[in-house]
Amino acid sequence: MNKAASNGDLLNLQHYKKTIAENGFTVINSVFSDEEIESIRKIIQDIDTSKETFRKSEDLFAIRQFLKEIPDIKDLIFNDHIKAIIKEIFGGQYAAVKSIYFDKPETSNWYVAYHQDLTVSVDKKLELPGFGPWTTKQNQFAVRPPLDILENIYTIRIHLDDTDKHNGALKVVPGSHAKGIYRPETIDWTIETEEMCSVQKGGIMIMKPLLLHGSNRTTNGNRRRVIHIEFSDRELPEGLNWSERMN
């Protein structure tokens, strides 16, 4: 049975912070108890999936603007452990600025090639120096911002299932987050290494968006449900706002 970590177990947060700075990611297990994960799953299971921000296919179920669409889930997501992690590892001024829920079903053959997360979600399209190109998905504007904004973001991935190499765990290139815009086709595997990030149900992976990451197809018939939340402490240029900013 998976119990959430005690505060004592999470006291070593400076170790995780150092690991993220060096490698671009870290895994912390037992952040949520089995009961907390079950409560989160139940809320997601009972929602109306017909909205524009929901995407459903044989290979993927996704909810964009997840925290906005399901406000009842916020208190469950931001338990004492997550709040301590945000404060100690990220900093006291960090707020959630983007959230997505992914469900790769048992039958999914969804393969994701190596990439960096290079866009942020904003409330409108404005011509601003250093911002672009722009895209629009389900009335949500996404743009590549200046590099310093991307370098400042942290992502938390909350795992609602045990995830390993057999059901689409992320594979990453450690240290690639510190190399700016890194085109996947230019990866030099004579100097780079690949690491598979297994995470237990109730655990989290923290990563920097510039970390090169991808995932393989599911081979063991197990689901992989993940809540992806991005955090920043930056204000955007005047007139432009984060589309999902939430303290």
Protein backbone atom coordinates (compact mmCIF):
# COMPACT_ATOMS: atom_id res chain seq x y z
CA MET A 1 0.00 0.00 0.00
CA ASN A 2 1.38 3.38 -0.98
CA LYS A 3 1.30 6.00 1.76
CA ALA A 4 2.24 9.60 1.09
CA ALA A 5 5.70 10.58 2.28
CA SER A 6 5.98 12.18 5.69
CA ASN A 7 7.36 15.70 5.97
CA GLY A 8 10.60 14.13 7.18
CA ASP A 9 10.92 12.19 3.92
CA LEU A 10 10.64 15.42 1.97
CA LEU A 11 13.17 17.39 4.01
CA ASN A 12 15.88 16.57 1.49
CA LEU A 13 14.34 18.90 -1.08
CA GLN A 14 17.61 20.75 -1.63
CA HIS A 15 19.07 17.48 -2.95
CA TYR A 16 16.28 17.28 -5.53
CA LYS A 17 16.78 20.94 -6.43
CA LYS A 18 20.49 20.29 -7.10
CA THR A 19 19.66 17.23 -9.21
CA ILE A 20 17.22 19.26 -11.35
CA ALA A 21 19.83 22.00 -11.86
CA GLU A 22 22.42 19.44 -12.99
CA ASN A 23 20.33 16.93 -14.95
CA GLY A 24 17.13 18.82 -15.81
CA PHE A 25 14.84 16.41 -13.96
CA THR A 26 14.26 14.35 -10.81
CA VAL A 27 11.75 11.77 -9.54
CA ILE A 28 10.16 11.93 -6.06
CA ASN A 29 7.97 8.96 -5.15
CA SER A 30 5.23 8.72 -2.47
CA VAL A 31 4.07 12.35 -2.78
CA PHE A 32 0.41 11.20 -2.86
CA SER A 33 -1.17 8.33 -0.92
CA ASP A 34 -3.25 5.61 -2.59
CA GLU A 35 -6.38 7.27 -1.16
CA GLU A 36 -5.44 10.67 -2.63
CA ILE A 37 -4.76 9.13 -6.05
CA GLU A 38 -8.08 7.27 -5.95
CA SER A 39 -9.93 10.52 -5.13
CA ILE A 40 -8.21 12.32 -8.04
CA ARG A 41 -9.03 9.46 -10.44
CA LYS A 42 -12.68 9.45 -9.36
CA ILE A 43 -13.17 13.18 -10.01
CA ILE A 44 -11.63 12.81 -13.49
CA GLN A 45 -13.75 9.73 -14.22
CA ASP A 46 -17.00 11.52 -13.40
CA ILE A 47 -16.56 14.66 -15.55
CA ASP A 48 -18.41 15.66 -18.71
CA THR A 49 -15.95 14.96 -21.55
CA SER A 50 -17.84 16.70 -24.34
CA LYS A 51 -16.14 20.11 -23.98
CA GLU A 52 -13.82 21.67 -26.57
CA THR A 53 -10.79 21.43 -24.29
CA PHE A 54 -11.16 17.62 -24.10
CA ARG A 55 -9.58 15.43 -26.75
CA LYS A 56 -10.62 11.79 -27.00
CA SER A 57 -9.37 9.14 -29.42
CA GLU A 58 -8.44 5.45 -29.29
CA ASP A 59 -4.84 6.38 -28.50
CA LEU A 60 -5.25 9.33 -26.15
CA PHE A 61 -7.60 11.13 -23.81
CA ALA A 62 -6.41 14.62 -22.90
CA ILE A 63 -7.85 17.59 -21.00
CA ARG A 64 -6.29 20.99 -21.69
CA GLN A 65 -6.58 23.77 -19.08
CA PHE A 66 -7.08 20.91 -16.63
CA LEU A 67 -7.11 22.94 -13.39
CA LYS A 68 -9.55 25.46 -14.91
CA GLU A 69 -11.88 22.77 -16.25
CA ILE A 70 -11.99 20.77 -12.99
CA PRO A 71 -11.73 23.32 -10.16
CA ASP A 72 -12.83 20.73 -7.56
CA ILE A 73 -9.52 18.91 -8.03
CA LYS A 74 -7.22 21.76 -6.94
CA ASP A 75 -7.24 20.99 -3.21
CA LEU A 76 -6.38 17.35 -3.92
CA ILE A 77 -3.54 18.23 -6.31
CA PHE A 78 -1.98 20.90 -4.09
CA ASN A 79 -1.53 18.82 -0.96
CA ASP A 80 1.02 19.81 1.71
CA HIS A 81 3.81 17.89 -0.02
CA ILE A 82 3.32 19.57 -3.41
CA LYS A 83 3.13 22.99 -1.75
CA ALA A 84 6.40 22.31 0.11
CA ILE A 85 8.08 21.15 -3.11
CA ILE A 86 6.98 24.28 -5.01
CA LYS A 87 8.16 26.58 -2.23
CA GLU A 88 11.50 24.89 -1.47
CA ILE A 89 12.58 23.78 -4.95
CA PHE A 90 11.01 26.41 -7.21
CA GLY A 91 10.52 29.45 -4.97
CA GLY A 92 7.75 31.25 -3.11
CA GLN A 93 6.63 33.34 -6.11
CA TYR A 94 5.95 30.44 -8.48
CA ALA A 95 2.39 29.93 -9.78
CA ALA A 96 0.79 27.33 -12.04
CA VAL A 97 0.58 28.67 -15.61
CA LYS A 98 -0.43 25.61 -17.68
CA SER A 99 -2.06 22.26 -16.94
CA ILE A 100 -2.90 19.17 -19.02
CA TYR A 101 -4.18 15.70 -18.16
CA PHE A 102 -3.03 12.78 -20.35
CA ASP A 103 -4.42 9.27 -20.39
CA LYS A 104 -2.63 6.76 -22.61
CA PRO A 105 -5.07 3.82 -22.58
CA GLU A 106 -4.03 0.15 -22.47
CA THR A 107 -4.38 -0.15 -26.26
CA SER A 108 -2.40 3.00 -27.04
CA ASN A 109 0.36 2.84 -29.63
CA TRP A 110 1.19 6.50 -29.10
CA TYR A 111 4.92 7.13 -29.63
CA VAL A 112 6.43 10.55 -28.87
CA ALA A 113 9.75 11.44 -30.51
CA TYR A 114 12.41 13.41 -28.65
CA HIS A 115 11.49 17.08 -28.29
CA GLN A 116 11.64 20.11 -25.97
CA ASP A 117 8.53 21.92 -24.65
CA LEU A 118 9.05 25.25 -26.38
CA THR A 119 5.69 27.04 -26.06
CA VAL A 120 3.68 28.70 -23.29
CA SER A 121 -0.10 29.22 -23.11
CA VAL A 122 -1.27 32.86 -23.18
CA ASP A 123 -4.58 34.72 -23.36
CA LYS A 124 -4.21 36.46 -26.74
CA LYS A 125 -1.97 36.97 -29.76
CA LEU A 126 0.23 40.07 -29.65
CA GLU A 127 3.12 41.05 -31.89
CA LEU A 128 5.99 41.25 -29.39
CA PRO A 129 9.75 41.09 -29.94
CA GLY A 130 11.12 37.64 -29.13
CA PHE A 131 7.68 35.96 -29.12
CA GLY A 132 6.84 33.59 -31.99
CA PRO A 133 5.88 31.52 -33.88
CA TRP A 134 2.26 31.35 -32.68
CA THR A 135 -0.28 28.49 -32.79
CA THR A 136 -3.92 28.14 -31.70
CA LYS A 137 -5.50 24.96 -30.30
CA GLN A 138 -9.09 24.89 -29.04
CA ASN A 139 -9.15 28.71 -28.71
CA GLN A 140 -5.96 28.62 -26.66
CA PHE A 141 -2.98 30.64 -27.87
CA ALA A 142 0.48 29.12 -27.66
CA VAL A 143 3.72 30.91 -28.44
CA ARG A 144 7.43 30.32 -28.17
CA PRO A 145 8.65 32.98 -25.72
CA PRO A 146 12.22 34.29 -25.25
CA LEU A 147 14.63 31.63 -24.00
CA ASP A 148 14.97 33.10 -20.48
CA ILE A 149 11.23 32.55 -19.84
CA LEU A 150 11.50 28.88 -20.87
CA GLU A 151 14.63 28.39 -18.75
CA ASN A 152 12.73 29.68 -15.72
CA ILE A 153 9.80 27.20 -15.92
CA TYR A 154 9.46 24.00 -13.88
CA THR A 155 7.07 21.18 -14.79
CA ILE A 156 5.54 18.71 -12.30
CA ARG A 157 4.17 15.45 -13.73
CA ILE A 158 1.89 13.66 -11.24
CA HIS A 159 1.59 9.92 -11.97
CA LEU A 160 -1.75 8.25 -11.35
CA ASP A 161 -0.35 4.84 -12.39
CA ASP A 162 2.95 2.98 -12.03
CA THR A 163 4.94 4.01 -15.09
CA ASP A 164 8.02 2.29 -16.52
CA LYS A 165 9.64 1.50 -19.87
CA HIS A 166 6.80 -0.92 -20.71
CA ASN A 167 3.96 1.65 -20.58
CA GLY A 168 5.39 4.86 -21.92
CA ALA A 169 7.59 6.31 -19.17
CA LEU A 170 9.50 9.37 -20.32
CA LYS A 171 12.98 8.83 -21.70
CA VAL A 172 15.26 11.87 -21.36
CA VAL A 173 18.70 13.19 -22.28
CA PRO A 174 20.21 14.29 -18.93
CA GLY A 175 21.73 17.78 -19.01
CA SER A 176 20.15 18.75 -22.34
CA HIS A 177 18.06 21.43 -20.60
CA ALA A 178 21.22 23.57 -20.25
CA LYS A 179 22.01 23.66 -23.98
CA GLY A 180 19.39 26.15 -25.20
CA ILE A 181 17.27 25.18 -28.21
CA TYR A 182 18.50 21.66 -28.99
CA ARG A 183 17.18 20.15 -32.22
CA PRO A 184 16.49 16.41 -31.71
CA GLU A 185 18.00 15.57 -35.11
CA THR A 186 21.35 16.98 -33.92
CA ILE A 187 21.66 14.77 -30.81
CA ASP A 188 25.18 13.33 -30.74
CA TRP A 189 24.74 9.93 -29.08
CA THR A 190 28.52 9.52 -28.80
CA ILE A 191 28.45 12.14 -26.02
CA GLU A 192 24.81 12.10 -24.83
CA THR A 193 23.10 9.41 -22.76
CA GLU A 194 19.47 8.32 -22.47
CA GLU A 195 17.72 7.66 -19.18
CA MET A 196 14.30 6.07 -18.59
CA CYS A 197 12.27 7.77 -15.84
CA SER A 198 10.18 5.18 -14.01
CA VAL A 199 7.74 6.75 -11.54
CA GLN A 200 5.52 4.93 -9.04
CA LYS A 201 1.79 5.63 -8.72
CA GLY A 202 1.53 8.64 -6.40
CA GLY A 203 5.00 9.85 -7.34
CA ILE A 204 6.03 12.88 -9.38
CA MET A 205 8.63 13.74 -11.95
CA ILE A 206 9.91 17.32 -11.99
CA MET A 207 11.55 18.50 -15.21
CA LYS A 208 12.70 21.59 -17.04
CA PRO A 209 10.84 22.16 -20.34
CA LEU A 210 14.11 22.44 -22.31
CA LEU A 211 15.04 18.87 -21.30
CA LEU A 212 14.93 16.65 -24.40
CA HIS A 213 12.28 14.01 -23.72
CA GLY A 214 10.12 11.46 -25.51
CA SER A 215 8.27 8.20 -24.82
CA ASN A 216 7.88 4.78 -26.39
CA ARG A 217 4.75 2.83 -27.19
CA THR A 218 3.01 0.86 -24.45
CA THR A 219 3.94 -2.83 -24.62
CA ASN A 220 2.47 -4.31 -21.41
CA GLY A 221 -1.19 -3.28 -21.70
CA ASN A 222 -1.08 -0.96 -18.67
CA ARG A 223 -2.54 2.56 -18.61
CA ARG A 224 -0.45 5.66 -18.04
CA ARG A 225 -2.36 8.62 -16.61
CA VAL A 226 -0.37 11.80 -15.91
CA ILE A 227 -1.25 15.33 -14.75
CA HIS A 228 1.23 17.83 -16.26
CA ILE A 229 1.46 21.27 -14.57
CA GLU A 230 3.91 24.04 -15.51
CA PHE A 231 5.02 26.75 -13.07
CA SER A 232 6.63 30.17 -13.56
CA ASP A 233 7.39 33.22 -11.42
CA ARG A 234 7.68 35.58 -14.41
CA GLU A 235 5.32 38.33 -15.49
CA LEU A 236 4.79 38.48 -19.25
CA PRO A 237 5.17 41.78 -21.18
CA GLU A 238 2.39 44.30 -20.65
CA GLY A 239 -0.82 43.30 -22.41
CA LEU A 240 -0.01 39.59 -22.46
CA ASN A 241 -1.12 37.20 -19.70
CA TRP A 242 -0.66 33.54 -18.86
CA SER A 243 -3.92 31.86 -19.93
CA GLU A 244 -4.11 29.66 -16.83
CA ARG A 245 -2.24 31.54 -14.11
CA MET A 246 -3.27 30.20 -10.71
CA ASN A 247 -1.53 30.96 -7.41
